[in-house]
PDB file of N, CA and C in Angstrom:
ATOM      1  N   MET A   1       6.194  62.235 -56.914  1.00  0.00           N
ATOM      2  CA  MET A   1       5.295  61.154 -57.220  1.00  0.00           C
ATOM      3  C   MET A   1       4.640  60.716 -55.913  1.00  0.00           C
ATOM      4  N   PRO A   2       3.293  60.596 -55.880  1.00  0.00           N
ATOM      5  CA  PRO A   2       2.598  60.189 -54.660  1.00  0.00           C
ATOM      6  C   PRO A   2       2.851  58.718 -54.333  1.00  0.00           C
ATOM      7  N   VAL A   3       2.944  58.427 -53.060  1.00  0.00           N
ATOM      8  CA  VAL A   3       3.106  57.053 -52.585  1.00  0.00           C
ATOM      9  C   VAL A   3       2.039  56.786 -51.528  1.00  0.00           C
ATOM     10  N   ALA A   4       2.008  55.569 -51.017  1.00  0.00           N
ATOM     11  CA  ALA A   4       1.017  55.200 -50.008  1.00  0.00           C
ATOM     12  C   ALA A   4       1.038  56.183 -48.846  1.00  0.00           C
ATOM     13  N   GLY A   5      -0.131  56.501 -48.330  1.00  0.00           N
ATOM     14  CA  GLY A   5      -0.213  57.418 -47.202  1.00  0.00           C
ATOM     15  C   GLY A   5      -0.230  58.878 -47.623  1.00  0.00           C
ATOM     16  N   GLY A   6      -0.241  59.147 -48.919  1.00  0.00           N
ATOM     17  CA  GLY A   6      -0.324  60.508 -49.407  1.00  0.00           C
ATOM     18  C   GLY A   6       0.977  61.290 -49.418  1.00  0.00           C
ATOM     19  N   ARG A   7       2.057  60.688 -48.964  1.00  0.00           N
ATOM     20  CA  ARG A   7       3.347  61.386 -48.980  1.00  0.00           C
ATOM     21  C   ARG A   7       3.946  61.331 -50.371  1.00  0.00           C
ATOM     22  N   GLY A   8       4.711  62.306 -50.712  1.00  0.00           N
ATOM     23  CA  GLY A   8       5.395  62.327 -51.986  1.00  0.00           C
ATOM     24  C   GLY A   8       6.770  61.691 -51.896  1.00  0.00           C
ATOM     25  N   ALA A   9       7.212  61.153 -52.997  1.00  0.00           N
ATOM     26  CA  ALA A   9       8.561  60.585 -53.066  1.00  0.00           C
ATOM     27  C   ALA A   9       9.393  61.441 -53.999  1.00  0.00           C
ATOM     28  N   ARG A  10      10.650  61.590 -53.659  1.00  0.00           N
ATOM     29  CA  ARG A  10      11.558  62.388 -54.477  1.00  0.00           C
ATOM     30  C   ARG A  10      12.830  61.579 -54.684  1.00  0.00           C
ATOM     31  N   ALA A  11      13.332  61.615 -55.885  1.00  0.00           N
ATOM     32  CA  ALA A  11      14.585  60.913 -56.192  1.00  0.00           C
ATOM     33  C   ALA A  11      15.618  61.926 -56.657  1.00  0.00           C
ATOM     34  N   GLU A  12      16.832  61.717 -56.236  1.00  0.00           N
ATOM     35  CA  GLU A  12      17.946  62.561 -56.666  1.00  0.00           C
ATOM     36  C   GLU A  12      19.035  61.655 -57.213  1.00  0.00           C
ATOM     37  N   VAL A  13      19.535  61.983 -58.385  1.00  0.00           N
ATOM     38  CA  VAL A  13      20.571  61.183 -59.032  1.00  0.00           C
ATOM     39  C   VAL A  13      21.924  61.838 -58.781  1.00  0.00           C
ATOM     40  N   LEU A  14      22.851  61.062 -58.238  1.00  0.00           N
ATOM     41  CA  LEU A  14      24.219  61.537 -58.028  1.00  0.00           C
ATOM     42  C   LEU A  14      25.123  60.777 -58.985  1.00  0.00           C
ATOM     43  N   GLU A  15      25.765  61.474 -59.870  1.00  0.00           N
ATOM     44  CA  GLU A  15      26.705  60.848 -60.794  1.00  0.00           C
ATOM     45  C   GLU A  15      28.103  61.009 -60.212  1.00  0.00           C
ATOM     46  N   LEU A  16      28.581  59.949 -59.589  1.00  0.00           N
ATOM     47  CA  LEU A  16      29.822  60.030 -58.829  1.00  0.00           C
ATOM     48  C   LEU A  16      31.045  60.300 -59.686  1.00  0.00           C
ATOM     49  N   HIS A  17      31.018  59.915 -60.955  1.00  0.00           N
ATOM     50  CA  HIS A  17      32.186  60.191 -61.801  1.00  0.00           C
ATOM     51  C   HIS A  17      32.444  61.692 -61.892  1.00  0.00           C
ATOM     52  N   ARG A  18      31.405  62.492 -61.725  1.00  0.00           N
ATOM     53  CA  ARG A  18      31.577  63.957 -61.747  1.00  0.00           C
ATOM     54  C   ARG A  18      32.227  64.471 -60.467  1.00  0.00           C
ATOM     55  N   LEU A  19      32.245  63.638 -59.433  1.00  0.00           N
ATOM     56  CA  LEU A  19      32.834  64.029 -58.151  1.00  0.00           C
ATOM     57  C   LEU A  19      34.232  63.458 -57.942  1.00  0.00           C
ATOM     58  N   ALA A  20      34.776  62.790 -58.946  1.00  0.00           N
ATOM     59  CA  ALA A  20      36.074  62.106 -58.792  1.00  0.00           C
ATOM     60  C   ALA A  20      37.174  63.060 -58.312  1.00  0.00           C
ATOM     61  N   ALA A  21      37.286  64.224 -58.914  1.00  0.00           N
ATOM     62  CA  ALA A  21      38.335  65.179 -58.512  1.00  0.00           C
ATOM     63  C   ALA A  21      38.088  65.688 -57.089  1.00  0.00           C
ATOM     64  N   ASP A  22      36.823  65.948 -56.750  1.00  0.00           N
ATOM     65  CA  ASP A  22      36.489  66.401 -55.400  1.00  0.00           C
ATOM     66  C   ASP A  22      36.809  65.322 -54.367  1.00  0.00           C
ATOM     67  N   LEU A  23      36.528  64.062 -54.718  1.00  0.00           N
ATOM     68  CA  LEU A  23      36.831  62.958 -53.804  1.00  0.00           C
ATOM     69  C   LEU A  23      38.329  62.796 -53.604  1.00  0.00           C
ATOM     70  N   ALA A  24      39.101  62.990 -54.657  1.00  0.00           N
ATOM     71  CA  ALA A  24      40.560  62.910 -54.545  1.00  0.00           C
ATOM     72  C   ALA A  24      41.079  64.025 -53.645  1.00  0.00           C
ATOM     73  N   GLN A  25      40.539  65.230 -53.815  1.00  0.00           N
ATOM     74  CA  GLN A  25      40.959  66.345 -52.971  1.00  0.00           C
ATOM     75  C   GLN A  25      40.556  66.084 -51.520  1.00  0.00           C
ATOM     76  N   TYR A  26      39.363  65.557 -51.306  1.00  0.00           N
ATOM     77  CA  TYR A  26      38.913  65.259 -49.945  1.00  0.00           C
ATOM     78  C   TYR A  26      39.813  64.217 -49.299  1.00  0.00           C
ATOM     79  N   SER A  27      40.175  63.209 -50.067  1.00  0.00           N
ATOM     80  CA  SER A  27      41.043  62.151 -49.560  1.00  0.00           C
ATOM     81  C   SER A  27      42.420  62.694 -49.183  1.00  0.00           C
ATOM     82  N   ALA A  28      42.934  63.617 -49.975  1.00  0.00           N
ATOM     83  CA  ALA A  28      44.278  64.155 -49.743  1.00  0.00           C
ATOM     84  C   ALA A  28      44.305  65.269 -48.693  1.00  0.00           C
ATOM     85  N   GLN A  29      43.271  66.124 -48.698  1.00  0.00           N
ATOM     86  CA  GLN A  29      43.313  67.315 -47.852  1.00  0.00           C
ATOM     87  C   GLN A  29      42.209  67.386 -46.799  1.00  0.00           C
ATOM     88  N   GLY A  30      41.218  66.489 -46.896  1.00  0.00           N
ATOM     89  CA  GLY A  30      40.135  66.503 -45.917  1.00  0.00           C
ATOM     90  C   GLY A  30      39.142  67.629 -46.091  1.00  0.00           C
ATOM     91  N   ARG A  31      39.181  68.301 -47.245  1.00  0.00           N
ATOM     92  CA  ARG A  31      38.250  69.397 -47.516  1.00  0.00           C
ATOM     93  C   ARG A  31      37.327  69.007 -48.656  1.00  0.00           C
ATOM     94  N   ALA A  32      36.024  69.246 -48.450  1.00  0.00           N
ATOM     95  CA  ALA A  32      35.036  68.912 -49.474  1.00  0.00           C
ATOM     96  C   ALA A  32      34.563  70.185 -50.173  1.00  0.00           C
ATOM     97  N   ARG A  33      34.592  70.159 -51.483  1.00  0.00           N
ATOM     98  CA  ARG A  33      34.047  71.269 -52.268  1.00  0.00           C
ATOM     99  C   ARG A  33      32.522  71.220 -52.209  1.00  0.00           C
ATOM    100  N   LEU A  34      31.889  72.273 -52.707  1.00  0.00           N
ATOM    101  CA  LEU A  34      30.439  72.413 -52.627  1.00  0.00           C
ATOM    102  C   LEU A  34      29.701  71.216 -53.241  1.00  0.00           C
ATOM    103  N   ASP A  35      30.091  70.765 -54.430  1.00  0.00           N
ATOM    104  CA  ASP A  35      29.393  69.646 -55.068  1.00  0.00           C
ATOM    105  C   ASP A  35      29.448  68.392 -54.209  1.00  0.00           C
ATOM    106  N   LEU A  36      30.587  68.121 -53.614  1.00  0.00           N
ATOM    107  CA  LEU A  36      30.718  66.950 -52.757  1.00  0.00           C
ATOM    108  C   LEU A  36      29.913  67.128 -51.478  1.00  0.00           C
ATOM    109  N   ARG A  37      29.929  68.310 -50.897  1.00  0.00           N
ATOM    110  CA  ARG A  37      29.130  68.566 -49.693  1.00  0.00           C
ATOM    111  C   ARG A  37      27.642  68.375 -49.974  1.00  0.00           C
ATOM    112  N   GLU A  38      27.186  68.822 -51.145  1.00  0.00           N
ATOM    113  CA  GLU A  38      25.779  68.650 -51.515  1.00  0.00           C
ATOM    114  C   GLU A  38      25.445  67.173 -51.700  1.00  0.00           C
ATOM    115  N   ALA A  39      26.343  66.411 -52.296  1.00  0.00           N
ATOM    116  CA  ALA A  39      26.125  64.968 -52.482  1.00  0.00           C
ATOM    117  C   ALA A  39      26.075  64.262 -51.127  1.00  0.00           C
ATOM    118  N   ILE A  40      26.966  64.634 -50.229  1.00  0.00           N
ATOM    119  CA  ILE A  40      26.981  64.049 -48.887  1.00  0.00           C
ATOM    120  C   ILE A  40      25.673  64.366 -48.171  1.00  0.00           C
ATOM    121  N   ALA A  41      25.219  65.605 -48.255  1.00  0.00           N
ATOM    122  CA  ALA A  41      23.964  66.009 -47.610  1.00  0.00           C
ATOM    123  C   ALA A  41      22.787  65.230 -48.182  1.00  0.00           C
ATOM    124  N   ALA A  42      22.789  65.001 -49.486  1.00  0.00           N
ATOM    125  CA  ALA A  42      21.698  64.250 -50.114  1.00  0.00           C
ATOM    126  C   ALA A  42      21.636  62.820 -49.572  1.00  0.00           C
ATOM    127  N   VAL A  43      22.787  62.210 -49.374  1.00  0.00           N
ATOM    128  CA  VAL A  43      22.824  60.832 -48.865  1.00  0.00           C
ATOM    129  C   VAL A  43      22.446  60.801 -47.383  1.00  0.00           C
ATOM    130  N   VAL A  44      22.978  61.715 -46.608  1.00  0.00           N
ATOM    131  CA  VAL A  44      22.725  61.727 -45.167  1.00  0.00           C
ATOM    132  C   VAL A  44      21.244  61.960 -44.869  1.00  0.00           C
ATOM    133  N   THR A  45      20.557  62.744 -45.675  1.00  0.00           N
ATOM    134  CA  THR A  45      19.146  63.049 -45.424  1.00  0.00           C
ATOM    135  C   THR A  45      18.198  62.089 -46.145  1.00  0.00           C
ATOM    136  N   ALA A  46      18.719  61.135 -46.894  1.00  0.00           N
ATOM    137  CA  ALA A  46      17.884  60.205 -47.655  1.00  0.00           C
ATOM    138  C   ALA A  46      17.219  59.183 -46.739  1.00  0.00           C
ATOM    139  N   ASP A  47      16.050  58.727 -47.157  1.00  0.00           N
ATOM    140  CA  ASP A  47      15.354  57.649 -46.454  1.00  0.00           C
ATOM    141  C   ASP A  47      15.840  56.290 -46.919  1.00  0.00           C
ATOM    142  N   GLY A  48      16.519  56.250 -48.042  1.00  0.00           N
ATOM    143  CA  GLY A  48      17.051  55.014 -48.596  1.00  0.00           C
ATOM    144  C   GLY A  48      17.896  55.331 -49.818  1.00  0.00           C
ATOM    145  N   LEU A  49      18.700  54.372 -50.228  1.00  0.00           N
ATOM    146  CA  LEU A  49      19.579  54.564 -51.382  1.00  0.00           C
ATOM    147  C   LEU A  49      19.386  53.440 -52.390  1.00  0.00           C
ATOM    148  N   VAL A  50      19.460  53.798 -53.654  1.00  0.00           N
ATOM    149  CA  VAL A  50      19.586  52.838 -54.736  1.00  0.00           C
ATOM    150  C   VAL A  50      20.939  53.131 -55.361  1.00  0.00           C
ATOM    151  N   VAL A  51      21.845  52.178 -55.274  1.00  0.00           N
ATOM    152  CA  VAL A  51      23.201  52.364 -55.769  1.00  0.00           C
ATOM    153  C   VAL A  51      23.403  51.431 -56.955  1.00  0.00           C
ATOM    154  N   ALA A  52      23.687  52.002 -58.104  1.00  0.00           N
ATOM    155  CA  ALA A  52      23.948  51.213 -59.306  1.00  0.00           C
ATOM    156  C   ALA A  52      25.338  51.562 -59.804  1.00  0.00           C
ATOM    157  N   ALA A  53      26.155  50.537 -60.023  1.00  0.00           N
ATOM    158  CA  ALA A  53      27.537  50.799 -60.409  1.00  0.00           C
ATOM    159  C   ALA A  53      28.090  49.646 -61.230  1.00  0.00           C
ATOM    160  N   PRO A  54      28.968  49.978 -62.172  1.00  0.00           N
ATOM    161  CA  PRO A  54      29.680  48.904 -62.868  1.00  0.00           C
ATOM    162  C   PRO A  54      30.737  48.325 -61.940  1.00  0.00           C
ATOM    163  N   VAL A  55      31.096  47.096 -62.180  1.00  0.00           N
ATOM    164  CA  VAL A  55      32.130  46.436 -61.389  1.00  0.00           C
ATOM    165  C   VAL A  55      33.352  46.276 -62.280  1.00  0.00           C
ATOM    166  N   LEU A  56      34.465  46.759 -61.788  1.00  0.00           N
ATOM    167  CA  LEU A  56      35.709  46.688 -62.544  1.00  0.00           C
ATOM    168  C   LEU A  56      36.690  45.810 -61.791  1.00  0.00           C
ATOM    169  N   ALA A  57      37.305  44.859 -62.461  1.00  0.00           N
ATOM    170  CA  ALA A  57      38.278  43.953 -61.846  1.00  0.00           C
ATOM    171  C   ALA A  57      37.711  43.296 -60.587  1.00  0.00           C
ATOM    172  N   ALA A  58      36.457  42.853 -60.663  1.00  0.00           N
ATOM    173  CA  ALA A  58      35.764  42.102 -59.613  1.00  0.00           C
ATOM    174  C   ALA A  58      35.423  42.916 -58.369  1.00  0.00           C
ATOM    175  N   SER A  59      35.555  44.237 -58.412  1.00  0.00           N
ATOM    176  CA  SER A  59      35.139  45.053 -57.268  1.00  0.00           C
ATOM    177  C   SER A  59      34.550  46.367 -57.785  1.00  0.00           C
ATOM    178  N   PRO A  60      33.733  47.034 -56.956  1.00  0.00           N
ATOM    179  CA  PRO A  60      33.154  48.309 -57.385  1.00  0.00           C
ATOM    180  C   PRO A  60      34.242  49.330 -57.718  1.00  0.00           C
ATOM    181  N   SER A  61      33.886  50.331 -58.485  1.00  0.00           N
ATOM    182  CA  SER A  61      34.855  51.340 -58.912  1.00  0.00           C
ATOM    183  C   SER A  61      35.453  52.077 -57.717  1.00  0.00           C
ATOM    184  N   LYS A  62      36.639  52.601 -57.904  1.00  0.00           N
ATOM    185  CA  LYS A  62      37.323  53.364 -56.850  1.00  0.00           C
ATOM    186  C   LYS A  62      36.534  54.617 -56.473  1.00  0.00           C
ATOM    187  N   VAL A  63      35.850  55.222 -57.453  1.00  0.00           N
ATOM    188  CA  VAL A  63      35.063  56.423 -57.159  1.00  0.00           C
ATOM    189  C   VAL A  63      33.927  56.077 -56.197  1.00  0.00           C
ATOM    190  N   LEU A  64      33.238  54.969 -56.443  1.00  0.00           N
ATOM    191  CA  LEU A  64      32.168  54.539 -55.548  1.00  0.00           C
ATOM    192  C   LEU A  64      32.723  54.219 -54.164  1.00  0.00           C
ATOM    193  N   ASP A  65      33.814  53.507 -54.125  1.00  0.00           N
ATOM    194  CA  ASP A  65      34.466  53.166 -52.859  1.00  0.00           C
ATOM    195  C   ASP A  65      34.888  54.430 -52.101  1.00  0.00           C
ATOM    196  N   SER A  66      35.478  55.385 -52.806  1.00  0.00           N
ATOM    197  CA  SER A  66      35.916  56.644 -52.177  1.00  0.00           C
ATOM    198  C   SER A  66      34.743  57.446 -51.643  1.00  0.00           C
ATOM    199  N   PHE A  67      33.628  57.451 -52.386  1.00  0.00           N
ATOM    200  CA  PHE A  67      32.460  58.207 -51.951  1.00  0.00           C
ATOM    201  C   PHE A  67      31.909  57.639 -50.650  1.00  0.00           C
ATOM    202  N   PHE A  68      31.756  56.335 -50.560  1.00  0.00           N
ATOM    203  CA  PHE A  68      31.201  55.754 -49.339  1.00  0.00           C
ATOM    204  C   PHE A  68      32.193  55.792 -48.183  1.00  0.00           C
ATOM    205  N   ALA A  69      33.478  55.881 -48.465  1.00  0.00           N
ATOM    206  CA  ALA A  69      34.478  56.018 -47.406  1.00  0.00           C
ATOM    207  C   ALA A  69      34.335  57.357 -46.682  1.00  0.00           C
ATOM    208  N   VAL A  70      33.801  58.363 -47.355  1.00  0.00           N
ATOM    209  CA  VAL A  70      33.610  59.683 -46.760  1.00  0.00           C
ATOM    210  C   VAL A  70      32.694  59.592 -45.534  1.00  0.00           C
ATOM    211  N   PHE A  71      31.750  58.659 -45.539  1.00  0.00           N
ATOM    212  CA  PHE A  71      30.732  58.600 -44.494  1.00  0.00           C
ATOM    213  C   PHE A  71      31.169  57.900 -43.222  1.00  0.00           C
ATOM    214  N   GLY A  72      32.213  57.122 -43.262  1.00  0.00           N
ATOM    215  CA  GLY A  72      32.608  56.386 -42.076  1.00  0.00           C
ATOM    216  C   GLY A  72      31.674  55.211 -41.825  1.00  0.00           C
ATOM    217  N   ASP A  73      31.777  54.624 -40.646  1.00  0.00           N
ATOM    218  CA  ASP A  73      31.046  53.388 -40.356  1.00  0.00           C
ATOM    219  C   ASP A  73      29.596  53.599 -39.931  1.00  0.00           C
ATOM    220  N   LYS A  74      29.281  54.652 -39.224  1.00  0.00           N
ATOM    221  CA  LYS A  74      27.971  54.752 -38.585  1.00  0.00           C
ATOM    222  C   LYS A  74      26.963  55.637 -39.295  1.00  0.00           C
ATOM    223  N   VAL A  75      27.382  56.496 -40.187  1.00  0.00           N
ATOM    224  CA  VAL A  75      26.463  57.438 -40.831  1.00  0.00           C
ATOM    225  C   VAL A  75      25.377  56.713 -41.612  1.00  0.00           C
ATOM    226  N   LEU A  76      25.738  55.660 -42.304  1.00  0.00           N
ATOM    227  CA  LEU A  76      24.776  54.949 -43.142  1.00  0.00           C
ATOM    228  C   LEU A  76      24.158  53.740 -42.442  1.00  0.00           C
ATOM    229  N   SER A  77      24.493  53.519 -41.205  1.00  0.00           N
ATOM    230  CA  SER A  77      23.969  52.379 -40.457  1.00  0.00           C
ATOM    231  C   SER A  77      22.445  52.470 -40.365  1.00  0.00           C
ATOM    232  N   GLY A  78      21.768  51.398 -40.750  1.00  0.00           N
ATOM    233  CA  GLY A  78      20.316  51.358 -40.695  1.00  0.00           C
ATOM    234  C   GLY A  78      19.619  51.942 -41.902  1.00  0.00           C
ATOM    235  N   LEU A  79      20.345  52.516 -42.839  1.00  0.00           N
ATOM    236  CA  LEU A  79      19.756  53.093 -44.042  1.00  0.00           C
ATOM    237  C   LEU A  79      19.531  51.988 -45.072  1.00  0.00           C
ATOM    238  N   PRO A  80      18.292  51.807 -45.538  1.00  0.00           N
ATOM    239  CA  PRO A  80      18.057  50.779 -46.557  1.00  0.00           C
ATOM    240  C   PRO A  80      18.809  51.111 -47.850  1.00  0.00           C
ATOM    241  N   VAL A  81      19.479  50.101 -48.401  1.00  0.00           N
ATOM    242  CA  VAL A  81      20.260  50.288 -49.627  1.00  0.00           C
ATOM    243  C   VAL A  81      19.955  49.148 -50.584  1.00  0.00           C
ATOM    244  N   LEU A  82      19.616  49.497 -51.816  1.00  0.00           N
ATOM    245  CA  LEU A  82      19.481  48.524 -52.889  1.00  0.00           C
ATOM    246  C   LEU A  82      20.735  48.659 -53.737  1.00  0.00           C
ATOM    247  N   LEU A  83      21.503  47.590 -53.831  1.00  0.00           N
ATOM    248  CA  LEU A  83      22.778  47.612 -54.546  1.00  0.00           C
ATOM    249  C   LEU A  83      22.635  46.854 -55.854  1.00  0.00           C
ATOM    250  N   ALA A  84      22.887  47.546 -56.962  1.00  0.00           N
ATOM    251  CA  ALA A  84      22.827  46.933 -58.287  1.00  0.00           C
ATOM    252  C   ALA A  84      24.202  47.032 -58.917  1.00  0.00           C
ATOM    253  N   LEU A  85      24.846  45.889 -59.136  1.00  0.00           N
ATOM    254  CA  LEU A  85      26.182  45.860 -59.714  1.00  0.00           C
ATOM    255  C   LEU A  85      26.150  45.105 -61.032  1.00  0.00           C
ATOM    256  N   ASN A  86      26.937  45.554 -61.975  1.00  0.00           N
ATOM    257  CA  ASN A  86      27.013  44.898 -63.271  1.00  0.00           C
ATOM    258  C   ASN A  86      28.473  44.765 -63.660  1.00  0.00           C
ATOM    259  N   SER A  87      28.914  43.521 -63.793  1.00  0.00           N
ATOM    260  CA  SER A  87      30.306  43.293 -64.180  1.00  0.00           C
ATOM    261  C   SER A  87      30.464  43.251 -65.684  1.00  0.00           C
ATOM    262  N   GLY A  88      29.341  43.179 -66.405  1.00  0.00           N
ATOM    263  CA  GLY A  88      29.413  43.125 -67.856  1.00  0.00           C
ATOM    264  C   GLY A  88      29.771  41.753 -68.385  1.00  0.00           C
ATOM    265  N   SER A  89      30.007  40.806 -67.486  1.00  0.00           N
ATOM    266  CA  SER A  89      30.405  39.474 -67.914  1.00  0.00           C
ATOM    267  C   SER A  89      29.949  38.448 -66.889  1.00  0.00           C
ATOM    268  N   HIS A  90      29.395  37.331 -67.353  1.00  0.00           N
ATOM    269  CA  HIS A  90      29.013  36.275 -66.422  1.00  0.00           C
ATOM    270  C   HIS A  90      30.242  35.516 -65.919  1.00  0.00           C
ATOM    271  N   ARG A  91      31.385  35.701 -66.565  1.00  0.00           N
ATOM    272  CA  ARG A  91      32.622  35.038 -66.134  1.00  0.00           C
ATOM    273  C   ARG A  91      33.322  35.783 -65.014  1.00  0.00           C
ATOM    274  N   GLN A  92      32.958  37.022 -64.784  1.00  0.00           N
ATOM    275  CA  GLN A  92      33.610  37.815 -63.727  1.00  0.00           C
ATOM    276  C   GLN A  92      32.516  38.399 -62.822  1.00  0.00           C
ATOM    277  N   PRO A  93      31.957  37.588 -61.909  1.00  0.00           N
ATOM    278  CA  PRO A  93      30.897  38.087 -61.042  1.00  0.00           C
ATOM    279  C   PRO A  93      31.444  39.110 -60.050  1.00  0.00           C
ATOM    280  N   PRO A  94      30.595  40.034 -59.594  1.00  0.00           N
ATOM    281  CA  PRO A  94      31.029  41.040 -58.625  1.00  0.00           C
ATOM    282  C   PRO A  94      31.439  40.412 -57.292  1.00  0.00           C
ATOM    283  N   ASP A  95      32.412  40.994 -56.646  1.00  0.00           N
ATOM    284  CA  ASP A  95      32.840  40.571 -55.317  1.00  0.00           C
ATOM    285  C   ASP A  95      32.118  41.450 -54.307  1.00  0.00           C
ATOM    286  N   LEU A  96      31.015  40.965 -53.773  1.00  0.00           N
ATOM    287  CA  LEU A  96      30.195  41.768 -52.860  1.00  0.00           C
ATOM    288  C   LEU A  96      30.870  42.023 -51.522  1.00  0.00           C
ATOM    289  N   ALA A  97      31.877  41.251 -51.175  1.00  0.00           N
ATOM    290  CA  ALA A  97      32.596  41.476 -49.916  1.00  0.00           C
ATOM    291  C   ALA A  97      33.306  42.818 -49.934  1.00  0.00           C
ATOM    292  N   GLN A  98      33.660  43.301 -51.109  1.00  0.00           N
ATOM    293  CA  GLN A  98      34.313  44.596 -51.226  1.00  0.00           C
ATOM    294  C   GLN A  98      33.351  45.692 -50.825  1.00  0.00           C
TER     295      GLN A  98
END
């Protein structure tokens, strides 16, 4: 899709629930399978991220937490991120500190 300045924009959707087993293996053994490596490469080369996730028990899902833990502290530093969280209930707002 064209954007200002004539450059094209491209979006890639990563469904993290499909990476749950790969993330568990990475956490336990430090080895990333191809699907996880491709997801990591997509994030590292992105100009920005839109992250949408359900909130469970007042914090983001463990899969989302595990995925971002792969990057460490500095990889995503300075990368614009739009965070969209949905707790499904106005009585249980998301805990953004997590």
